[in-house]
């Protein structure tokens, strides 16, 4: 993991950079795949950590005595820290060794995972998820950045498809593995956090042996103030969305304080970034229409992507009484759709150089899929659900990686990390806000449907039902009388359907945005091959070192 460094004058620096670029140009497909192997394994670990707990969460929250709010926060905490850290990881990748940063993010993930498995209460678990999120944010952002440094946009669609395939395998493998671990008595849910650690360690070793990138360093200061302000603004906003309607009313002094604080911090961030010599998010990037539209579209794609993985587990376990393992198996149609569309679109984009049609088609499929999922009820035939999930997965696979590709194709090499992380940032922000807001909506709707259902059973049944489901906790269906259990299952089925119905308009907004993105021919050179990659920005700094790690 250590980096060797030398200090040279400008001539040897340029020569070294040129040599690196020249060598990189001749990389064959097997060489690229070897170099990307550790990166893909790291990406697998990142996605696995996000999905492996989804089917185990009902059991985890029940064992730790948590509530529906705790359930949402275990997911949101990781998304929040991942979102807040993403711009910083992206900026650091423009200044330091990308390989070393990937390794650091893996180490952070391992530390968070080990302690999370030892949690004795939801507070500790949520804190550990914050640490995990910081590491996962680095892996998610850096995977796209490293790929862009090695591969031209024209060829990148093919390899983005491979990353999409890894995403799909980890997404379906995570819930399945988490379900099996939770259902295995001698393991238990704590191993959901431990199981990713060996993968992360293997990824560290493979990365050290296979990933060799030229390191271009610039003698500039990291914009820590900007990082603090954007993190604070995002955190306040997400805390407000998560707690509103539960800990306090939507219209209350807490709401005004948190939203007002988020706005103030956001404005200060813009002010600081406009004056910073090397901002964490260069505001000039948003003068490019494609980057602005792709970032906004990613926000809405994030809402759809994370809501699907989070709320399906509650639907299958609490509305249909399935086990955690079976719950993972039943989501395969969505993951199959994502796998097929991400791989196929990447291959076709590489051959044709055309990408906009895939974005538009993906937006249509995602909107339709979520709209149909909005009709879910606890007794909806599974083959209907499978079709709806497949459509949603197909749409996600076409949009997710290709929004990053469209952005990377528009920026100079020195802005590659920042621009890539901006799109990832907005996708993570959309996911965090979506899970928080939709989780609050679901808790409200489930409570409403339960009250209506219990009232219909009569006074005695209603009193017994309220006693068994008090406190807002996750119910244990096996301990409930049959009539009350049916009320609970119906409430969760209808509540999850409402969540997807509310998510569909956001997918439609994402579709509208991508329609206005202008298709630009994909470049045939990677960022590391461009002349600008061989030398620092004029305003950047005086010292630069180009070495092979």
Protein backbone atom coordinates (compact mmCIF):
# COMPACT_ATOMS: atom_id res chain seq x y z
CA UNK A 1 0.00 0.00 0.00
CA UNK A 2 2.94 2.32 0.43
CA UNK A 3 3.82 4.61 -2.44
CA UNK A 4 7.38 5.31 -3.56
CA UNK A 5 7.93 8.94 -4.52
CA UNK A 6 10.59 10.92 -6.28
CA UNK A 7 11.16 14.61 -6.83
CA UNK A 8 12.12 15.64 -10.32
CA UNK A 9 12.10 18.72 -12.48
CA UNK A 10 9.47 19.32 -15.15
CA UNK A 11 11.23 17.53 -18.01
CA UNK A 12 11.59 14.11 -16.39
CA UNK A 13 8.05 14.47 -15.00
CA UNK A 14 6.57 14.99 -18.41
CA UNK A 15 8.65 12.15 -19.81
CA UNK A 16 7.50 9.77 -17.08
CA UNK A 17 3.90 10.75 -17.57
CA UNK A 18 4.19 10.31 -21.32
CA UNK A 19 5.75 6.90 -20.86
CA UNK A 20 2.97 5.83 -18.53
CA UNK A 21 0.34 7.02 -20.92
CA UNK A 22 2.05 5.30 -23.81
CA UNK A 23 2.20 2.05 -21.93
CA UNK A 24 -1.42 2.33 -20.88
CA UNK A 25 -2.59 2.77 -24.46
CA UNK A 26 -1.34 -0.71 -25.41
CA UNK A 27 -3.28 -2.51 -22.66
CA UNK A 28 -5.15 -5.50 -24.03
CA UNK A 29 -8.53 -6.74 -22.81
CA UNK A 30 -6.97 -9.47 -20.58
CA UNK A 31 -4.60 -6.87 -19.09
CA UNK A 32 -7.47 -4.52 -18.34
CA UNK A 33 -9.53 -7.31 -16.79
CA UNK A 34 -6.58 -8.32 -14.62
CA UNK A 35 -6.12 -4.72 -13.49
CA UNK A 36 -9.84 -4.38 -12.75
CA UNK A 37 -10.17 -7.70 -10.89
CA UNK A 38 -9.33 -6.29 -7.46
CA UNK A 39 -11.45 -3.21 -8.15
CA UNK A 40 -14.47 -5.33 -9.05
CA UNK A 41 -13.95 -7.42 -5.93
CA UNK A 42 -13.88 -4.21 -3.89
CA UNK A 43 -17.07 -3.07 -5.61
CA UNK A 44 -18.62 -6.45 -4.81
CA UNK A 45 -17.78 -5.91 -1.13
CA UNK A 46 -19.32 -2.42 -1.20
CA UNK A 47 -22.62 -3.56 -2.67
CA UNK A 48 -22.68 -6.72 -0.55
CA UNK A 49 -22.48 -4.63 2.63
CA UNK A 50 -25.44 -2.54 1.47
CA UNK A 51 -27.69 -5.47 0.56
CA UNK A 52 -26.74 -8.33 2.87
CA UNK A 53 -28.57 -6.80 5.83
CA UNK A 54 -31.78 -6.03 3.92
CA UNK A 55 -33.44 -9.41 4.53
CA UNK A 56 -31.91 -9.70 8.00
CA UNK A 57 -33.11 -6.28 9.19
CA UNK A 58 -36.53 -7.36 10.51
CA UNK A 59 -34.76 -9.95 12.69
CA UNK A 60 -31.93 -7.56 13.66
CA UNK A 61 -34.28 -4.77 14.73
CA UNK A 62 -36.49 -7.22 16.59
CA UNK A 63 -33.53 -8.70 18.52
CA UNK A 64 -32.10 -5.28 19.39
CA UNK A 65 -35.49 -3.89 20.43
CA UNK A 66 -35.65 -1.25 17.71
CA UNK A 67 -38.57 0.48 15.99
CA UNK A 68 -39.57 1.22 12.39
CA UNK A 69 -37.52 4.42 12.75
CA UNK A 70 -34.49 2.35 13.80
CA UNK A 71 -35.10 0.07 10.81
CA UNK A 72 -34.93 3.04 8.47
CA UNK A 73 -31.92 4.57 10.22
CA UNK A 74 -29.78 1.44 9.93
CA UNK A 75 -30.08 1.87 6.16
CA UNK A 76 -30.07 5.68 6.11
CA UNK A 77 -26.98 6.06 8.32
CA UNK A 78 -24.81 4.22 5.80
CA UNK A 79 -26.35 6.12 2.90
CA UNK A 80 -25.89 9.45 4.70
CA UNK A 81 -22.19 8.97 5.41
CA UNK A 82 -21.64 7.48 1.95
CA UNK A 83 -23.30 10.51 0.37
CA UNK A 84 -21.45 13.08 2.47
CA UNK A 85 -18.06 11.42 1.89
CA UNK A 86 -18.39 10.83 -1.87
CA UNK A 87 -17.31 14.33 -3.06
CA UNK A 88 -14.26 14.20 -0.80
CA UNK A 89 -13.20 10.79 -2.13
CA UNK A 90 -13.62 12.09 -5.66
CA UNK A 91 -11.52 15.17 -5.01
CA UNK A 92 -8.80 13.18 -3.25
CA UNK A 93 -8.59 10.90 -6.30
CA UNK A 94 -7.62 13.93 -8.41
CA UNK A 95 -4.79 14.71 -5.98
CA UNK A 96 -3.44 11.39 -4.65
CA UNK A 97 -2.97 7.73 -5.55
CA UNK A 98 -6.30 6.24 -6.61
CA UNK A 99 -5.06 2.78 -5.71
CA UNK A 100 -4.09 3.82 -2.18
CA UNK A 101 -7.47 5.51 -1.68
CA UNK A 102 -9.32 2.35 -2.72
CA UNK A 103 -7.26 0.38 -0.21
CA UNK A 104 -7.94 2.92 2.55
CA UNK A 105 -11.68 2.78 1.90
CA UNK A 106 -11.56 -1.02 2.14
CA UNK A 107 -9.82 -0.82 5.52
CA UNK A 108 -12.43 1.64 6.81
CA UNK A 109 -15.17 -0.71 5.64
CA UNK A 110 -13.58 -3.69 7.44
CA UNK A 111 -13.29 -1.78 10.75
CA UNK A 112 -16.91 -0.65 10.59
CA UNK A 113 -18.14 -4.15 9.73
CA UNK A 114 -16.31 -5.91 12.58
CA UNK A 115 -17.65 -3.53 15.22
CA UNK A 116 -21.16 -3.57 13.70
CA UNK A 117 -21.29 -7.33 14.22
CA UNK A 118 -20.64 -6.80 17.94
CA UNK A 119 -23.49 -4.28 18.39
CA UNK A 120 -25.74 -4.73 21.43
CA UNK A 121 -28.22 -1.94 20.59
CA UNK A 122 -29.48 -0.07 17.56
CA UNK A 123 -27.52 3.08 18.48
CA UNK A 124 -24.18 1.28 18.21
CA UNK A 125 -25.24 -0.47 15.03
CA UNK A 126 -26.25 2.83 13.42
CA UNK A 127 -22.91 4.42 14.38
CA UNK A 128 -21.03 1.50 12.83
CA UNK A 129 -23.11 1.80 9.68
CA UNK A 130 -21.89 5.40 9.42
CA UNK A 131 -18.28 4.11 9.38
CA UNK A 132 -19.19 1.43 6.85
CA UNK A 133 -20.82 4.07 4.67
CA UNK A 134 -17.65 6.17 4.55
CA UNK A 135 -15.72 3.18 3.24
CA UNK A 136 -18.43 2.12 0.81
CA UNK A 137 -18.66 5.69 -0.49
CA UNK A 138 -14.98 5.54 -1.39
CA UNK A 139 -15.31 2.20 -3.15
CA UNK A 140 -18.40 3.27 -5.10
CA UNK A 141 -16.91 6.57 -6.29
CA UNK A 142 -13.38 5.31 -6.95
CA UNK A 143 -14.47 2.28 -9.00
CA UNK A 144 -15.81 4.52 -11.76
CA UNK A 145 -12.88 6.95 -11.47
CA UNK A 146 -10.19 4.26 -11.74
CA UNK A 147 -11.95 2.72 -14.73
CA UNK A 148 -12.13 6.10 -16.46
CA UNK A 149 -8.40 6.65 -15.89
CA UNK A 150 -7.61 3.40 -17.72
CA UNK A 151 -10.26 3.04 -20.43
CA UNK A 152 -11.57 5.39 -23.11
CA UNK A 153 -15.28 6.38 -23.01
CA UNK A 154 -15.87 4.49 -26.26
CA UNK A 155 -14.59 1.24 -24.72
CA UNK A 156 -15.80 2.01 -21.21
CA UNK A 157 -19.40 0.97 -21.86
CA UNK A 158 -18.25 -2.64 -22.10
CA UNK A 159 -16.45 -2.53 -18.76
CA UNK A 160 -19.20 -0.46 -17.12
CA UNK A 161 -21.45 -3.36 -18.07
CA UNK A 162 -19.15 -5.69 -16.17
CA UNK A 163 -19.36 -3.42 -13.14
CA UNK A 164 -23.14 -3.47 -13.54
CA UNK A 165 -23.02 -7.26 -13.60
CA UNK A 166 -20.96 -7.27 -10.40
CA UNK A 167 -23.53 -4.92 -8.91
CA UNK A 168 -26.33 -7.29 -9.90
CA UNK A 169 -24.60 -10.40 -8.51
CA UNK A 170 -23.81 -8.65 -5.22
CA UNK A 171 -27.33 -7.26 -5.02
CA UNK A 172 -28.99 -10.64 -5.42
CA UNK A 173 -26.24 -12.51 -3.59
CA UNK A 174 -26.36 -10.16 -0.60
CA UNK A 175 -29.99 -10.69 0.39
CA UNK A 176 -29.72 -14.42 -0.34
CA UNK A 177 -26.57 -14.78 1.73
CA UNK A 178 -27.99 -12.57 4.46
CA UNK A 179 -31.16 -14.65 4.54
CA UNK A 180 -29.28 -17.95 4.76
CA UNK A 181 -27.01 -16.60 7.52
CA UNK A 182 -29.99 -15.26 9.50
CA UNK A 183 -31.91 -18.53 9.13
CA UNK A 184 -28.86 -20.62 10.17
CA UNK A 185 -29.13 -21.00 13.94
CA UNK A 186 -25.41 -21.48 14.64
CA UNK A 187 -24.50 -18.34 12.68
CA UNK A 188 -27.11 -15.64 13.25
CA UNK A 189 -27.46 -12.15 11.80
CA UNK A 190 -24.16 -10.86 13.24
CA UNK A 191 -22.32 -12.83 10.59
CA UNK A 192 -24.00 -10.63 7.97
CA UNK A 193 -21.42 -8.02 8.98
CA UNK A 194 -18.48 -10.41 9.35
CA UNK A 195 -18.89 -12.24 6.04
CA UNK A 196 -17.73 -9.31 3.89
CA UNK A 197 -14.44 -8.97 5.78
CA UNK A 198 -12.61 -11.88 4.04
CA UNK A 199 -13.69 -10.52 0.64
CA UNK A 200 -12.32 -7.11 1.57
CA UNK A 201 -8.98 -8.56 2.67
CA UNK A 202 -8.70 -10.57 -0.57
CA UNK A 203 -9.56 -7.42 -2.53
CA UNK A 204 -6.73 -5.56 -0.76
CA UNK A 205 -4.22 -8.23 -1.74
CA UNK A 206 -5.45 -8.48 -5.34
CA UNK A 207 -5.44 -4.68 -5.75
CA UNK A 208 -1.85 -4.48 -4.53
CA UNK A 209 -0.74 -7.07 -7.09
CA UNK A 210 -2.81 -6.15 -10.14
CA UNK A 211 -3.75 -2.45 -10.17
CA UNK A 212 -0.97 -0.19 -11.49
CA UNK A 213 -1.92 3.38 -12.32
CA UNK A 214 0.25 6.44 -12.92
CA UNK A 215 0.07 8.70 -9.87
CA UNK A 216 -0.25 12.37 -10.70
CA UNK A 217 0.14 14.49 -7.60
CA UNK A 218 -0.45 18.20 -7.36
CA UNK A 219 0.78 20.37 -4.51
CA UNK A 220 -2.60 21.72 -3.43
CA UNK A 221 -4.57 21.79 -0.20
CA UNK A 222 -7.69 19.69 0.23
CA UNK A 223 -10.80 21.84 0.58
CA UNK A 224 -11.68 20.60 4.07
CA UNK A 225 -14.01 23.54 4.79
CA UNK A 226 -16.03 22.74 1.67
CA UNK A 227 -16.16 19.05 2.67
CA UNK A 228 -17.39 20.00 6.17
CA UNK A 229 -20.09 22.34 4.86
CA UNK A 230 -21.51 19.93 2.27
CA UNK A 231 -21.46 17.07 4.81
CA UNK A 232 -23.25 19.23 7.38
CA UNK A 233 -25.90 20.40 4.91
CA UNK A 234 -26.64 16.85 3.71
CA UNK A 235 -26.67 15.43 7.25
CA UNK A 236 -29.11 18.04 8.56
CA UNK A 237 -31.41 17.51 5.61
CA UNK A 238 -31.46 13.73 5.98
CA UNK A 239 -31.90 13.82 9.76
CA UNK A 240 -34.89 16.11 9.28
CA UNK A 241 -36.49 13.91 6.62
CA UNK A 242 -36.02 10.78 8.74
CA UNK A 243 -37.38 12.17 12.02
CA UNK A 244 -40.18 14.41 10.71
CA UNK A 245 -43.63 13.00 11.36
CA UNK A 246 -42.23 10.67 14.05
CA UNK A 247 -40.15 12.56 16.64
CA UNK A 248 -41.81 15.88 15.73
CA UNK A 249 -44.40 17.26 13.34
CA UNK A 250 -43.57 18.13 9.75
CA UNK A 251 -44.51 21.74 10.54
CA UNK A 252 -42.57 22.51 13.73
CA UNK A 253 -39.65 24.52 15.05
CA UNK A 254 -37.37 21.50 14.55
CA UNK A 255 -38.30 21.42 10.87
CA UNK A 256 -37.57 25.12 10.43
CA UNK A 257 -34.29 24.83 12.34
CA UNK A 258 -32.98 21.85 10.37
CA UNK A 259 -34.10 22.92 6.92
CA UNK A 260 -32.94 26.48 7.59
CA UNK A 261 -29.58 25.19 8.82
CA UNK A 262 -29.22 22.98 5.73
CA UNK A 263 -29.97 25.93 3.44
CA UNK A 264 -27.48 28.20 5.26
CA UNK A 265 -24.74 25.55 5.14
CA UNK A 266 -25.52 24.93 1.47
CA UNK A 267 -25.20 28.62 0.62
CA UNK A 268 -21.95 28.86 2.59
CA UNK A 269 -20.69 25.82 0.66
CA UNK A 270 -21.41 27.54 -2.67
CA UNK A 271 -19.67 30.70 -1.43
CA UNK A 272 -16.59 28.77 -0.26
CA UNK A 273 -16.41 26.70 -3.44
CA UNK A 274 -16.63 29.81 -5.62
CA UNK A 275 -13.55 31.23 -3.92
CA UNK A 276 -11.50 28.06 -3.29
CA UNK A 277 -8.37 27.62 -5.42
CA UNK A 278 -9.11 23.89 -5.79
CA UNK A 279 -12.73 23.27 -4.69
CA UNK A 280 -14.02 19.87 -3.68
CA UNK A 281 -16.82 20.27 -6.26
CA UNK A 282 -15.79 22.72 -9.00
CA UNK A 283 -18.93 24.79 -9.60
CA UNK A 284 -17.86 25.38 -13.20
CA UNK A 285 -18.75 21.76 -13.91
CA UNK A 286 -22.43 22.66 -13.68
CA UNK A 287 -22.07 25.10 -16.57
CA UNK A 288 -22.02 21.95 -18.68
CA UNK A 289 -25.64 21.05 -19.42
CA UNK A 290 -24.96 17.32 -19.63
CA UNK A 291 -23.33 17.21 -16.19
CA UNK A 292 -26.13 19.23 -14.61
CA UNK A 293 -28.89 17.10 -16.15
CA UNK A 294 -27.10 13.79 -15.45
CA UNK A 295 -26.55 14.78 -11.80
CA UNK A 296 -30.20 15.71 -11.32
CA UNK A 297 -31.35 12.51 -13.07
CA UNK A 298 -29.04 10.47 -10.82
CA UNK A 299 -30.79 11.97 -7.79
CA UNK A 300 -34.10 10.47 -8.94
CA UNK A 301 -32.53 7.16 -10.03
CA UNK A 302 -31.08 6.84 -6.51
CA UNK A 303 -34.57 7.11 -5.00
CA UNK A 304 -35.77 4.21 -7.16
CA UNK A 305 -32.65 2.06 -6.73
CA UNK A 306 -32.40 2.11 -2.95
CA UNK A 307 -36.14 2.00 -2.25
CA UNK A 308 -36.36 -1.25 -4.21
CA UNK A 309 -33.66 -3.05 -2.24
CA UNK A 310 -34.80 -1.76 1.17
CA UNK A 311 -38.57 -2.17 1.11
CA UNK A 312 -38.89 -5.46 -0.79
CA UNK A 313 -37.53 -7.34 2.23
CA UNK A 314 -40.29 -5.91 4.43
CA UNK A 315 -42.90 -6.73 1.80
CA UNK A 316 -41.99 -10.39 1.43
CA UNK A 317 -41.35 -11.02 5.13
CA UNK A 318 -44.06 -8.91 6.79
CA UNK A 319 -46.76 -8.90 4.10
CA UNK A 320 -46.32 -12.46 2.82
CA UNK A 321 -44.69 -14.24 5.77
CA UNK A 322 -41.63 -15.46 3.87
CA UNK A 323 -38.31 -16.35 5.48
CA UNK A 324 -35.26 -14.08 4.97
CA UNK A 325 -33.76 -16.63 2.56
CA UNK A 326 -36.93 -16.93 0.49
CA UNK A 327 -37.30 -13.17 0.53
CA UNK A 328 -33.95 -12.88 -1.25
CA UNK A 329 -34.86 -15.53 -3.81
CA UNK A 330 -38.12 -13.79 -4.66
CA UNK A 331 -36.31 -10.57 -5.65
CA UNK A 332 -34.27 -12.33 -8.36
CA UNK A 333 -36.42 -11.00 -11.25
CA UNK A 334 -35.40 -7.43 -10.48
CA UNK A 335 -31.72 -8.33 -10.23
CA UNK A 336 -31.90 -10.44 -13.40
CA UNK A 337 -33.31 -7.45 -15.25
CA UNK A 338 -30.55 -5.21 -13.93
CA UNK A 339 -27.87 -7.78 -14.82
CA UNK A 340 -29.11 -8.26 -18.38
CA UNK A 341 -29.65 -4.58 -19.20
CA UNK A 342 -26.39 -3.28 -17.70
CA UNK A 343 -24.29 -5.93 -19.47
CA UNK A 344 -26.12 -5.72 -22.80
CA UNK A 345 -26.23 -1.91 -22.89
CA UNK A 346 -22.50 -1.73 -22.14
CA UNK A 347 -21.64 -4.10 -24.97
CA UNK A 348 -23.85 -2.31 -27.50
CA UNK A 349 -22.63 1.16 -26.47
CA UNK A 350 -19.04 0.04 -27.00
CA UNK A 351 -19.88 -1.18 -30.52
CA UNK A 352 -22.04 1.76 -31.60
CA UNK A 353 -20.86 4.69 -29.47
CA UNK A 354 -24.54 5.61 -28.94
CA UNK A 355 -25.80 5.87 -25.37
CA UNK A 356 -28.78 8.26 -25.12
CA UNK A 357 -31.39 5.76 -26.37
CA UNK A 358 -30.45 3.48 -23.48
CA UNK A 359 -30.94 6.27 -20.95
CA UNK A 360 -34.37 7.19 -22.34
CA UNK A 361 -35.49 3.55 -22.58
CA UNK A 362 -34.28 2.95 -19.04
CA UNK A 363 -36.23 5.93 -17.76
CA UNK A 364 -39.43 4.66 -19.41
CA UNK A 365 -39.02 1.13 -18.01
CA UNK A 366 -38.15 2.39 -14.53
CA UNK A 367 -41.20 4.69 -14.40
CA UNK A 368 -43.55 1.97 -15.64
CA UNK A 369 -42.05 -0.64 -13.30
CA UNK A 370 -42.41 1.54 -10.21
CA UNK A 371 -45.92 2.58 -11.21
CA UNK A 372 -46.97 -1.07 -11.48
CA UNK A 373 -45.26 -1.88 -8.17
CA UNK A 374 -47.47 0.83 -6.68
CA UNK A 375 -50.41 -1.58 -7.11
CA UNK A 376 -48.84 -4.14 -4.71
CA UNK A 377 -51.01 -5.71 -2.04
CA UNK A 378 -50.26 -8.61 0.28
CA UNK A 379 -52.20 -11.02 -1.96
CA UNK A 380 -50.94 -9.80 -5.36
CA UNK A 381 -50.02 -12.86 -7.52
CA UNK A 382 -46.27 -13.37 -7.51
CA UNK A 383 -45.98 -13.60 -11.31
CA UNK A 384 -47.35 -10.04 -11.49
CA UNK A 385 -44.78 -8.89 -8.94
CA UNK A 386 -41.98 -10.66 -10.85
CA UNK A 387 -42.84 -8.80 -14.08
CA UNK A 388 -42.98 -5.46 -12.27
CA UNK A 389 -39.61 -6.12 -10.61
CA UNK A 390 -38.01 -7.18 -13.90
CA UNK A 391 -39.12 -3.94 -15.60
CA UNK A 392 -37.71 -1.90 -12.72
CA UNK A 393 -34.40 -3.79 -12.86
CA UNK A 394 -34.11 -3.34 -16.62
CA UNK A 395 -34.61 0.41 -16.23
CA UNK A 396 -32.05 0.73 -13.45
CA UNK A 397 -29.44 -1.22 -15.39
CA UNK A 398 -29.80 1.04 -18.43
CA UNK A 399 -29.55 4.29 -16.47
CA UNK A 400 -27.23 3.79 -13.52
CA UNK A 401 -23.80 3.30 -15.15
CA UNK A 402 -24.58 5.21 -18.33
CA UNK A 403 -25.30 8.48 -16.50
CA UNK A 404 -21.75 8.31 -15.14
CA UNK A 405 -20.42 7.46 -18.61
CA UNK A 406 -22.17 10.47 -20.17
CA UNK A 407 -20.65 12.75 -17.51
CA UNK A 408 -17.11 11.38 -17.75
CA UNK A 409 -17.21 11.91 -21.50
CA UNK A 410 -17.67 15.66 -20.96
CA UNK A 411 -14.82 16.58 -18.60
CA UNK A 412 -11.09 17.24 -18.73
CA UNK A 413 -8.80 14.62 -17.13
CA UNK A 414 -7.99 16.82 -14.12
CA UNK A 415 -11.73 17.02 -13.26
CA UNK A 416 -12.48 13.33 -13.82
CA UNK A 417 -12.62 12.39 -10.14
CA UNK A 418 -14.69 15.39 -9.09
CA UNK A 419 -17.16 15.00 -11.98
CA UNK A 420 -17.60 11.24 -11.44
CA UNK A 421 -18.14 11.70 -7.72
CA UNK A 422 -20.72 14.44 -8.34
CA UNK A 423 -22.98 11.99 -10.19
CA UNK A 424 -22.39 9.30 -7.56
CA UNK A 425 -23.03 11.89 -4.84
CA UNK A 426 -26.43 12.85 -6.23
CA UNK A 427 -27.38 9.18 -6.69
CA UNK A 428 -26.46 8.44 -3.07
CA UNK A 429 -28.24 11.61 -1.90
CA UNK A 430 -31.37 10.54 -3.75
CA UNK A 431 -31.15 7.10 -2.18
CA UNK A 432 -30.66 8.46 1.33
CA UNK A 433 -33.47 11.00 1.02
CA UNK A 434 -35.71 8.44 -0.67
CA UNK A 435 -35.21 5.78 1.98
CA UNK A 436 -35.67 8.34 4.77
CA UNK A 437 -38.77 10.02 3.35
CA UNK A 438 -40.36 6.86 1.98
CA UNK A 439 -39.58 5.04 5.23
CA UNK A 440 -41.45 7.76 7.12
CA UNK A 441 -44.34 7.53 4.62
CA UNK A 442 -44.46 3.76 5.00
CA UNK A 443 -44.50 3.91 8.82
CA UNK A 444 -47.36 6.40 8.64
CA UNK A 445 -49.37 4.42 6.09
CA UNK A 446 -48.84 1.08 7.87
CA UNK A 447 -50.06 2.59 11.16
CA UNK A 448 -53.11 3.99 9.39
CA UNK A 449 -53.95 0.69 7.68
CA UNK A 450 -53.44 -1.29 10.90
CA UNK A 451 -55.79 1.01 12.82
CA UNK A 452 -58.46 0.70 10.13
CA UNK A 453 -58.07 -3.08 9.97
CA UNK A 454 -58.24 -3.53 13.74
CA UNK A 455 -61.26 -1.27 14.01
CA UNK A 456 -63.05 -3.45 11.47
CA UNK A 457 -62.44 -6.52 13.67
CA UNK A 458 -64.39 -5.05 16.60
CA UNK A 459 -63.45 -3.50 19.99
CA UNK A 460 -62.02 -6.66 21.62
CA UNK A 461 -59.84 -7.62 18.66
CA UNK A 462 -58.74 -4.01 18.22
CA UNK A 463 -57.63 -3.79 21.87
CA UNK A 464 -55.73 -7.09 21.63
CA UNK A 465 -54.11 -6.05 18.37
CA UNK A 466 -52.96 -2.71 19.71
CA UNK A 467 -51.42 -4.47 22.68
CA UNK A 468 -49.46 -6.81 20.43
CA UNK A 469 -48.23 -4.16 18.04
CA UNK A 470 -47.64 -1.23 20.37
CA UNK A 471 -44.49 0.83 20.39
CA UNK A 472 -43.98 1.02 16.66
CA UNK A 473 -41.75 -2.07 16.65
CA UNK A 474 -41.41 -4.68 13.92
CA UNK A 475 -44.13 -7.28 14.64
CA UNK A 476 -43.45 -10.99 15.08
CA UNK A 477 -46.14 -12.45 12.83
CA UNK A 478 -45.83 -15.94 14.27
CA UNK A 479 -46.98 -14.72 17.70
CA UNK A 480 -50.12 -12.96 16.44
CA UNK A 481 -53.64 -14.47 16.22
CA UNK A 482 -54.67 -15.27 12.64
CA UNK A 483 -57.15 -12.36 12.17
CA UNK A 484 -54.71 -9.80 13.53
CA UNK A 485 -51.85 -11.28 11.54
CA UNK A 486 -53.88 -10.84 8.35
CA UNK A 487 -54.47 -7.19 9.25
CA UNK A 488 -50.73 -6.64 9.76
CA UNK A 489 -49.83 -8.41 6.50
CA UNK A 490 -52.42 -6.41 4.60
CA UNK A 491 -51.14 -3.16 6.14
CA UNK A 492 -47.52 -3.83 5.16
CA UNK A 493 -48.51 -4.98 1.68
CA UNK A 494 -50.53 -1.83 1.07
CA UNK A 495 -47.88 0.37 2.74
CA UNK A 496 -45.04 -0.90 0.55
CA UNK A 497 -47.25 -0.48 -2.52
CA UNK A 498 -47.77 3.17 -1.53
CA UNK A 499 -43.99 3.63 -1.24
CA UNK A 500 -43.43 2.54 -4.84
CA UNK A 501 -46.38 4.62 -6.02
CA UNK A 502 -44.78 7.72 -4.47
CA UNK A 503 -41.39 6.81 -6.00
CA UNK A 504 -42.76 6.53 -9.57
CA UNK A 505 -43.12 10.31 -10.18
CA UNK A 506 -39.44 10.79 -9.31
CA UNK A 507 -38.48 8.21 -11.94
CA UNK A 508 -40.65 10.15 -14.40
CA UNK A 509 -38.72 13.34 -13.55
CA UNK A 510 -35.48 11.46 -14.21
CA UNK A 511 -36.84 10.40 -17.62
CA UNK A 512 -37.74 14.00 -18.50
CA UNK A 513 -34.22 15.14 -17.59
CA UNK A 514 -32.40 12.53 -19.70
CA UNK A 515 -34.56 13.42 -22.71
CA UNK A 516 -32.89 16.85 -22.69
CA UNK A 517 -29.33 15.49 -22.47
CA UNK A 518 -27.55 16.02 -25.77
CA UNK A 519 -25.75 12.96 -27.08
CA UNK A 520 -22.03 13.61 -27.62
CA UNK A 521 -19.79 11.12 -29.43
CA UNK A 522 -17.76 9.04 -27.00
CA UNK A 523 -14.06 9.86 -26.83
CA UNK A 524 -11.60 7.24 -28.00
CA UNK A 525 -8.91 8.05 -25.42
CA UNK A 526 -8.87 7.35 -21.70
CA UNK A 527 -8.20 10.12 -19.19
CA UNK A 528 -4.73 8.79 -18.48
CA UNK A 529 -3.92 8.92 -22.21
CA UNK A 530 -4.90 12.55 -22.70
CA UNK A 531 -2.18 15.17 -22.95
CA UNK A 532 -3.62 17.02 -19.98
CA UNK A 533 -3.03 13.98 -17.80
CA UNK A 534 0.69 14.29 -18.37
CA UNK A 535 1.03 17.70 -16.80
CA UNK A 536 -0.56 19.67 -13.99
CA UNK A 537 -3.09 22.45 -14.43
CA UNK A 538 -1.34 25.82 -14.84
CA UNK A 539 -2.98 27.12 -11.68
CA UNK A 540 -2.63 23.90 -9.76
CA UNK A 541 0.77 23.69 -8.23
CA UNK A 542 4.43 23.55 -8.41
CA UNK A 543 5.17 19.97 -7.46
CA UNK A 544 4.07 16.82 -9.22
CA UNK A 545 5.30 13.25 -9.08
CA UNK A 546 4.43 10.51 -11.53
CA UNK A 547 5.27 7.01 -10.34
CA UNK A 548 3.91 3.53 -10.57
CA UNK A 549 2.58 2.20 -7.27
